[in-house]
Amino acid sequence: MGNLMVLEATLQDSLRGILGDAAAVLVVFGAVFSLLNCFLGYRLVKLWSALCGFAVGWVAAFAVSMHFLANAGVSAVIGIAAGLLLGGIAFFLYKAGVFVLCVFLVFFLCVGLIPIQWLAIVLGLALGIAVGVLAMKFMREVLIFTTAISGGMNAANALLPVFGLQNAAAALIVGLALAVLGIVVQWKTTAKA
């Protein structure tokens, strides 16, 4: 019995170490993704659109197929296929991809900033759709602002805890400063279409 408890404690310690390492990798990945979005979002819009299309397609198809099939393996394959299809559509149909990207970025920005979950979801969807529609008319401008603000705020939220700062005001100030810098960099480095 004693050996079993020691084995269980060892496995728990190992699992905590693995999860801690995975969390650190995810933080770094999130920070790099956010900084790329903040400073190069307009240039990388086709890539972001395809990734958002893949995510939306995968989640929707996985959820629907799990409801009907109750088989995670088959549902995951269906989700991947739908994700690849929607990601390809978003990549090749530029305006559709831009719309999905804007909805995605604004939705997750609202969810990250608004503490009341139902309000964050409702406002995120409504504002995301509004920004997506606005992007159809003023594509460059909306994409620059949306990617810079989303990237700056997400980068601040990912990086500040690494430096021991978990203050919401500090995250807001650093996020907005990064967003303004990202807007300036993107505006100066992209040609007006």
C-alpha atoms as a PDB file:
ATOM      1  CA  MET A   1       0.000   0.000   0.000  1.00  0.00           C
ATOM      2  CA  GLY A   2       2.874   2.378   0.872  1.00  0.00           C
ATOM      3  CA  ASN A   3       4.600   1.770  -2.489  1.00  0.00           C
ATOM      4  CA  LEU A   4       1.361   2.500  -4.319  1.00  0.00           C
ATOM      5  CA  MET A   5       1.028   5.857  -2.520  1.00  0.00           C
ATOM      6  CA  VAL A   6       4.647   6.738  -3.343  1.00  0.00           C
ATOM      7  CA  LEU A   7       4.025   5.816  -6.994  1.00  0.00           C
ATOM      8  CA  GLU A   8       0.867   7.936  -7.064  1.00  0.00           C
ATOM      9  CA  ALA A   9       2.683  10.927  -5.532  1.00  0.00           C
ATOM     10  CA  THR A  10       5.546  10.533  -8.032  1.00  0.00           C
ATOM     11  CA  LEU A  11       3.104  10.410 -10.944  1.00  0.00           C
ATOM     12  CA  GLN A  12       1.284  13.498  -9.657  1.00  0.00           C
ATOM     13  CA  ASP A  13       4.590  15.395  -9.347  1.00  0.00           C
ATOM     14  CA  SER A  14       5.588  14.351 -12.855  1.00  0.00           C
ATOM     15  CA  LEU A  15       2.215  15.400 -14.249  1.00  0.00           C
ATOM     16  CA  ARG A  16       2.459  18.794 -12.509  1.00  0.00           C
ATOM     17  CA  GLY A  17       5.908  19.284 -14.059  1.00  0.00           C
ATOM     18  CA  ILE A  18       4.672  18.367 -17.532  1.00  0.00           C
ATOM     19  CA  LEU A  19       1.624  20.616 -17.233  1.00  0.00           C
ATOM     20  CA  GLY A  20       3.789  23.458 -15.927  1.00  0.00           C
ATOM     21  CA  ASP A  21       6.140  23.078 -18.895  1.00  0.00           C
ATOM     22  CA  ALA A  22       3.191  22.936 -21.305  1.00  0.00           C
ATOM     23  CA  ALA A  23       1.718  26.079 -19.759  1.00  0.00           C
ATOM     24  CA  ALA A  24       5.045  27.891 -20.172  1.00  0.00           C
ATOM     25  CA  VAL A  25       5.221  26.864 -23.830  1.00  0.00           C
ATOM     26  CA  LEU A  26       1.640  28.045 -24.376  1.00  0.00           C
ATOM     27  CA  VAL A  27       2.427  31.409 -22.757  1.00  0.00           C
ATOM     28  CA  VAL A  28       5.443  31.883 -25.023  1.00  0.00           C
ATOM     29  CA  PHE A  29       3.460  30.793 -28.084  1.00  0.00           C
ATOM     30  CA  GLY A  30       0.599  33.105 -27.137  1.00  0.00           C
ATOM     31  CA  ALA A  31       2.946  36.054 -26.600  1.00  0.00           C
ATOM     32  CA  VAL A  32       4.739  35.495 -29.922  1.00  0.00           C
ATOM     33  CA  PHE A  33       1.431  35.053 -31.776  1.00  0.00           C
ATOM     34  CA  SER A  34       0.067  38.225 -30.147  1.00  0.00           C
ATOM     35  CA  LEU A  35       3.157  40.313 -30.934  1.00  0.00           C
ATOM     36  CA  LEU A  36       3.138  39.107 -34.552  1.00  0.00           C
ATOM     37  CA  ASN A  37      -0.527  40.033 -34.742  1.00  0.00           C
ATOM     38  CA  CYS A  38       0.125  43.430 -33.173  1.00  0.00           C
ATOM     39  CA  PHE A  39       2.972  44.458 -35.486  1.00  0.00           C
ATOM     40  CA  LEU A  40       2.391  42.368 -38.633  1.00  0.00           C
ATOM     41  CA  GLY A  41      -1.323  41.578 -38.515  1.00  0.00           C
ATOM     42  CA  TYR A  42      -2.235  43.245 -41.791  1.00  0.00           C
ATOM     43  CA  ARG A  43       0.589  41.498 -43.656  1.00  0.00           C
ATOM     44  CA  LEU A  44      -0.332  38.119 -42.165  1.00  0.00           C
ATOM     45  CA  VAL A  45      -4.090  38.439 -42.626  1.00  0.00           C
ATOM     46  CA  LYS A  46      -4.380  35.467 -44.995  1.00  0.00           C
ATOM     47  CA  LEU A  47      -2.593  33.211 -42.515  1.00  0.00           C
ATOM     48  CA  TRP A  48      -4.684  34.468 -39.586  1.00  0.00           C
ATOM     49  CA  SER A  49      -7.870  34.107 -41.643  1.00  0.00           C
ATOM     50  CA  ALA A  50      -7.040  30.517 -42.520  1.00  0.00           C
ATOM     51  CA  LEU A  51      -6.217  29.679 -38.882  1.00  0.00           C
ATOM     52  CA  CYS A  52      -9.451  31.272 -37.641  1.00  0.00           C
ATOM     53  CA  GLY A  53     -11.436  29.485 -40.346  1.00  0.00           C
ATOM     54  CA  PHE A  54      -9.829  26.203 -39.329  1.00  0.00           C
ATOM     55  CA  ALA A  55     -10.620  26.822 -35.651  1.00  0.00           C
ATOM     56  CA  VAL A  56     -14.250  27.725 -36.313  1.00  0.00           C
ATOM     57  CA  GLY A  57     -14.735  24.759 -38.669  1.00  0.00           C
ATOM     58  CA  TRP A  58     -13.056  22.299 -36.312  1.00  0.00           C
ATOM     59  CA  VAL A  59     -14.953  23.400 -33.195  1.00  0.00           C
ATOM     60  CA  ALA A  60     -18.344  23.522 -34.935  1.00  0.00           C
ATOM     61  CA  ALA A  61     -17.965  20.176 -36.711  1.00  0.00           C
ATOM     62  CA  PHE A  62     -16.504  18.486 -33.634  1.00  0.00           C
ATOM     63  CA  ALA A  63     -19.364  19.728 -31.432  1.00  0.00           C
ATOM     64  CA  VAL A  64     -22.080  18.718 -33.899  1.00  0.00           C
ATOM     65  CA  SER A  65     -20.576  15.307 -34.617  1.00  0.00           C
ATOM     66  CA  MET A  66     -20.065  14.611 -30.899  1.00  0.00           C
ATOM     67  CA  HIS A  67     -23.749  15.332 -30.385  1.00  0.00           C
ATOM     68  CA  PHE A  68     -24.776  12.783 -33.018  1.00  0.00           C
ATOM     69  CA  LEU A  69     -21.966  10.228 -32.841  1.00  0.00           C
ATOM     70  CA  ALA A  70     -20.642  10.397 -29.240  1.00  0.00           C
ATOM     71  CA  ASN A  71     -17.277   9.180 -30.553  1.00  0.00           C
ATOM     72  CA  ALA A  72     -14.386  11.572 -29.868  1.00  0.00           C
ATOM     73  CA  GLY A  73     -12.013   9.980 -32.387  1.00  0.00           C
ATOM     74  CA  VAL A  74     -14.400  10.105 -35.322  1.00  0.00           C
ATOM     75  CA  SER A  75     -15.602  13.556 -34.265  1.00  0.00           C
ATOM     76  CA  ALA A  76     -12.014  14.825 -34.168  1.00  0.00           C
ATOM     77  CA  VAL A  77     -11.393  13.571 -37.714  1.00  0.00           C
ATOM     78  CA  ILE A  78     -14.633  15.164 -38.919  1.00  0.00           C
ATOM     79  CA  GLY A  79     -13.632  18.363 -37.125  1.00  0.00           C
ATOM     80  CA  ILE A  80     -10.194  18.397 -38.747  1.00  0.00           C
ATOM     81  CA  ALA A  81     -11.719  17.846 -42.196  1.00  0.00           C
ATOM     82  CA  ALA A  82     -14.251  20.648 -41.673  1.00  0.00           C
ATOM     83  CA  GLY A  83     -11.521  22.868 -40.237  1.00  0.00           C
ATOM     84  CA  LEU A  84      -9.310  22.323 -43.278  1.00  0.00           C
ATOM     85  CA  LEU A  85     -12.246  23.038 -45.573  1.00  0.00           C
ATOM     86  CA  LEU A  86     -13.279  26.246 -43.806  1.00  0.00           C
ATOM     87  CA  GLY A  87      -9.643  27.297 -43.385  1.00  0.00           C
ATOM     88  CA  GLY A  88      -9.101  26.842 -47.128  1.00  0.00           C
ATOM     89  CA  ILE A  89     -12.227  28.813 -47.930  1.00  0.00           C
ATOM     90  CA  ALA A  90     -11.114  31.610 -45.582  1.00  0.00           C
ATOM     91  CA  PHE A  91      -7.667  31.639 -47.214  1.00  0.00           C
ATOM     92  CA  PHE A  92      -8.880  31.733 -50.811  1.00  0.00           C
ATOM     93  CA  LEU A  93     -11.982  33.874 -50.347  1.00  0.00           C
ATOM     94  CA  TYR A  94     -10.145  36.879 -48.948  1.00  0.00           C
ATOM     95  CA  LYS A  95     -13.144  38.957 -47.839  1.00  0.00           C
ATOM     96  CA  ALA A  96     -14.810  35.996 -46.131  1.00  0.00           C
ATOM     97  CA  GLY A  97     -11.557  35.307 -44.326  1.00  0.00           C
ATOM     98  CA  VAL A  98     -11.223  38.937 -43.250  1.00  0.00           C
ATOM     99  CA  PHE A  99     -14.781  38.892 -41.889  1.00  0.00           C
ATOM    100  CA  VAL A 100     -14.148  35.684 -39.897  1.00  0.00           C
ATOM    101  CA  LEU A 101     -10.840  37.051 -38.606  1.00  0.00           C
ATOM    102  CA  CYS A 102     -12.414  40.308 -37.402  1.00  0.00           C
ATOM    103  CA  VAL A 103     -15.261  38.491 -35.662  1.00  0.00           C
ATOM    104  CA  PHE A 104     -12.775  36.099 -34.050  1.00  0.00           C
ATOM    105  CA  LEU A 105     -10.377  38.813 -32.819  1.00  0.00           C
ATOM    106  CA  VAL A 106     -13.054  41.147 -31.476  1.00  0.00           C
ATOM    107  CA  PHE A 107     -14.975  38.298 -29.832  1.00  0.00           C
ATOM    108  CA  PHE A 108     -11.932  37.039 -27.934  1.00  0.00           C
ATOM    109  CA  LEU A 109     -10.847  40.555 -27.022  1.00  0.00           C
ATOM    110  CA  CYS A 110     -14.277  41.159 -25.443  1.00  0.00           C
ATOM    111  CA  VAL A 111     -14.210  37.809 -23.660  1.00  0.00           C
ATOM    112  CA  GLY A 112     -10.784  38.688 -22.259  1.00  0.00           C
ATOM    113  CA  LEU A 113     -11.720  42.195 -21.142  1.00  0.00           C
ATOM    114  CA  ILE A 114     -15.304  41.899 -19.890  1.00  0.00           C
ATOM    115  CA  PRO A 115     -15.617  39.972 -16.608  1.00  0.00           C
ATOM    116  CA  ILE A 116     -19.342  39.189 -16.957  1.00  0.00           C
ATOM    117  CA  GLN A 117     -19.366  36.103 -19.196  1.00  0.00           C
ATOM    118  CA  TRP A 118     -22.803  36.413 -20.832  1.00  0.00           C
ATOM    119  CA  LEU A 119     -22.208  40.103 -21.543  1.00  0.00           C
ATOM    120  CA  ALA A 120     -18.762  39.380 -22.969  1.00  0.00           C
ATOM    121  CA  ILE A 121     -20.190  36.752 -25.329  1.00  0.00           C
ATOM    122  CA  VAL A 122     -23.113  38.890 -26.503  1.00  0.00           C
ATOM    123  CA  LEU A 123     -21.009  42.046 -26.960  1.00  0.00           C
ATOM    124  CA  GLY A 124     -18.168  40.041 -28.480  1.00  0.00           C
ATOM    125  CA  LEU A 125     -20.412  38.553 -31.137  1.00  0.00           C
ATOM    126  CA  ALA A 126     -22.275  41.800 -31.847  1.00  0.00           C
ATOM    127  CA  LEU A 127     -19.139  43.953 -32.008  1.00  0.00           C
ATOM    128  CA  GLY A 128     -17.253  41.248 -33.900  1.00  0.00           C
ATOM    129  CA  ILE A 129     -19.923  41.095 -36.592  1.00  0.00           C
ATOM    130  CA  ALA A 130     -20.076  44.908 -36.748  1.00  0.00           C
ATOM    131  CA  VAL A 131     -16.297  45.179 -37.128  1.00  0.00           C
ATOM    132  CA  GLY A 132     -16.339  42.393 -39.733  1.00  0.00           C
ATOM    133  CA  VAL A 133     -18.945  44.263 -41.758  1.00  0.00           C
ATOM    134  CA  LEU A 134     -17.002  47.526 -41.355  1.00  0.00           C
ATOM    135  CA  ALA A 135     -13.890  45.743 -42.632  1.00  0.00           C
ATOM    136  CA  MET A 136     -15.635  45.048 -45.927  1.00  0.00           C
ATOM    137  CA  LYS A 137     -15.653  48.802 -46.629  1.00  0.00           C
ATOM    138  CA  PHE A 138     -12.441  49.957 -44.890  1.00  0.00           C
ATOM    139  CA  MET A 139     -10.368  46.774 -45.004  1.00  0.00           C
ATOM    140  CA  ARG A 140      -6.825  48.072 -44.441  1.00  0.00           C
ATOM    141  CA  GLU A 141      -7.772  50.478 -41.686  1.00  0.00           C
ATOM    142  CA  VAL A 142     -10.007  48.071 -39.790  1.00  0.00           C
ATOM    143  CA  LEU A 143      -7.501  45.228 -40.078  1.00  0.00           C
ATOM    144  CA  ILE A 144      -4.644  47.377 -38.821  1.00  0.00           C
ATOM    145  CA  PHE A 145      -6.637  48.629 -35.841  1.00  0.00           C
ATOM    146  CA  THR A 146      -8.186  45.251 -35.032  1.00  0.00           C
ATOM    147  CA  THR A 147      -4.955  43.242 -35.232  1.00  0.00           C
ATOM    148  CA  ALA A 148      -2.901  45.857 -33.373  1.00  0.00           C
ATOM    149  CA  ILE A 149      -5.395  46.275 -30.517  1.00  0.00           C
ATOM    150  CA  SER A 150      -6.082  42.555 -30.173  1.00  0.00           C
ATOM    151  CA  GLY A 151      -2.399  41.674 -30.418  1.00  0.00           C
ATOM    152  CA  GLY A 152      -1.289  44.387 -27.999  1.00  0.00           C
ATOM    153  CA  MET A 153      -3.845  43.535 -25.337  1.00  0.00           C
ATOM    154  CA  ASN A 154      -3.214  39.784 -25.612  1.00  0.00           C
ATOM    155  CA  ALA A 155       0.568  40.254 -25.536  1.00  0.00           C
ATOM    156  CA  ALA A 156       0.302  42.355 -22.373  1.00  0.00           C
ATOM    157  CA  ASN A 157      -1.938  39.742 -20.729  1.00  0.00           C
ATOM    158  CA  ALA A 158       0.514  36.975 -21.668  1.00  0.00           C
ATOM    159  CA  LEU A 159       3.763  38.758 -20.790  1.00  0.00           C
ATOM    160  CA  LEU A 160       3.032  40.777 -17.650  1.00  0.00           C
ATOM    161  CA  PRO A 161       2.458  37.746 -15.370  1.00  0.00           C
ATOM    162  CA  VAL A 162       5.842  36.394 -16.512  1.00  0.00           C
ATOM    163  CA  PHE A 163       7.398  39.527 -14.989  1.00  0.00           C
ATOM    164  CA  GLY A 164       5.318  39.232 -11.829  1.00  0.00           C
ATOM    165  CA  LEU A 165       2.746  41.893 -12.751  1.00  0.00           C
ATOM    166  CA  GLN A 166      -0.844  40.736 -12.475  1.00  0.00           C
ATOM    167  CA  ASN A 167      -2.458  44.130 -12.250  1.00  0.00           C
ATOM    168  CA  ALA A 168      -5.395  44.804 -14.595  1.00  0.00           C
ATOM    169  CA  ALA A 169      -4.509  48.500 -14.877  1.00  0.00           C
ATOM    170  CA  ALA A 170      -0.922  47.669 -15.855  1.00  0.00           C
ATOM    171  CA  ALA A 171      -2.145  45.174 -18.448  1.00  0.00           C
ATOM    172  CA  LEU A 172      -4.495  47.781 -19.892  1.00  0.00           C
ATOM    173  CA  ILE A 173      -1.783  50.472 -20.050  1.00  0.00           C
ATOM    174  CA  VAL A 174       0.861  48.161 -21.567  1.00  0.00           C
ATOM    175  CA  GLY A 175      -1.708  46.623 -23.929  1.00  0.00           C
ATOM    176  CA  LEU A 176      -2.848  50.024 -25.198  1.00  0.00           C
ATOM    177  CA  ALA A 177       0.761  51.220 -25.561  1.00  0.00           C
ATOM    178  CA  LEU A 178       1.597  48.129 -27.621  1.00  0.00           C
ATOM    179  CA  ALA A 179      -1.587  48.626 -29.654  1.00  0.00           C
ATOM    180  CA  VAL A 180      -0.703  52.239 -30.501  1.00  0.00           C
ATOM    181  CA  LEU A 181       2.846  51.202 -31.423  1.00  0.00           C
ATOM    182  CA  GLY A 182       1.441  48.336 -33.522  1.00  0.00           C
ATOM    183  CA  ILE A 183      -0.928  50.691 -35.356  1.00  0.00           C
ATOM    184  CA  VAL A 184       1.922  53.086 -36.140  1.00  0.00           C
ATOM    185  CA  VAL A 185       4.238  50.293 -37.331  1.00  0.00           C
ATOM    186  CA  GLN A 186       1.575  48.666 -39.504  1.00  0.00           C
ATOM    187  CA  TRP A 187       0.393  51.995 -40.914  1.00  0.00           C
ATOM    188  CA  LYS A 188       3.925  52.989 -41.918  1.00  0.00           C
ATOM    189  CA  THR A 189       4.955  49.597 -43.300  1.00  0.00           C
ATOM    190  CA  THR A 190       1.904  48.774 -45.419  1.00  0.00           C
ATOM    191  CA  ALA A 191       0.890  50.415 -48.640  1.00  0.00           C
ATOM    192  CA  LYS A 192      -2.557  51.890 -48.957  1.00  0.00           C
ATOM    193  CA  ALA A 193      -4.625  49.593 -51.182  1.00  0.00           C
END
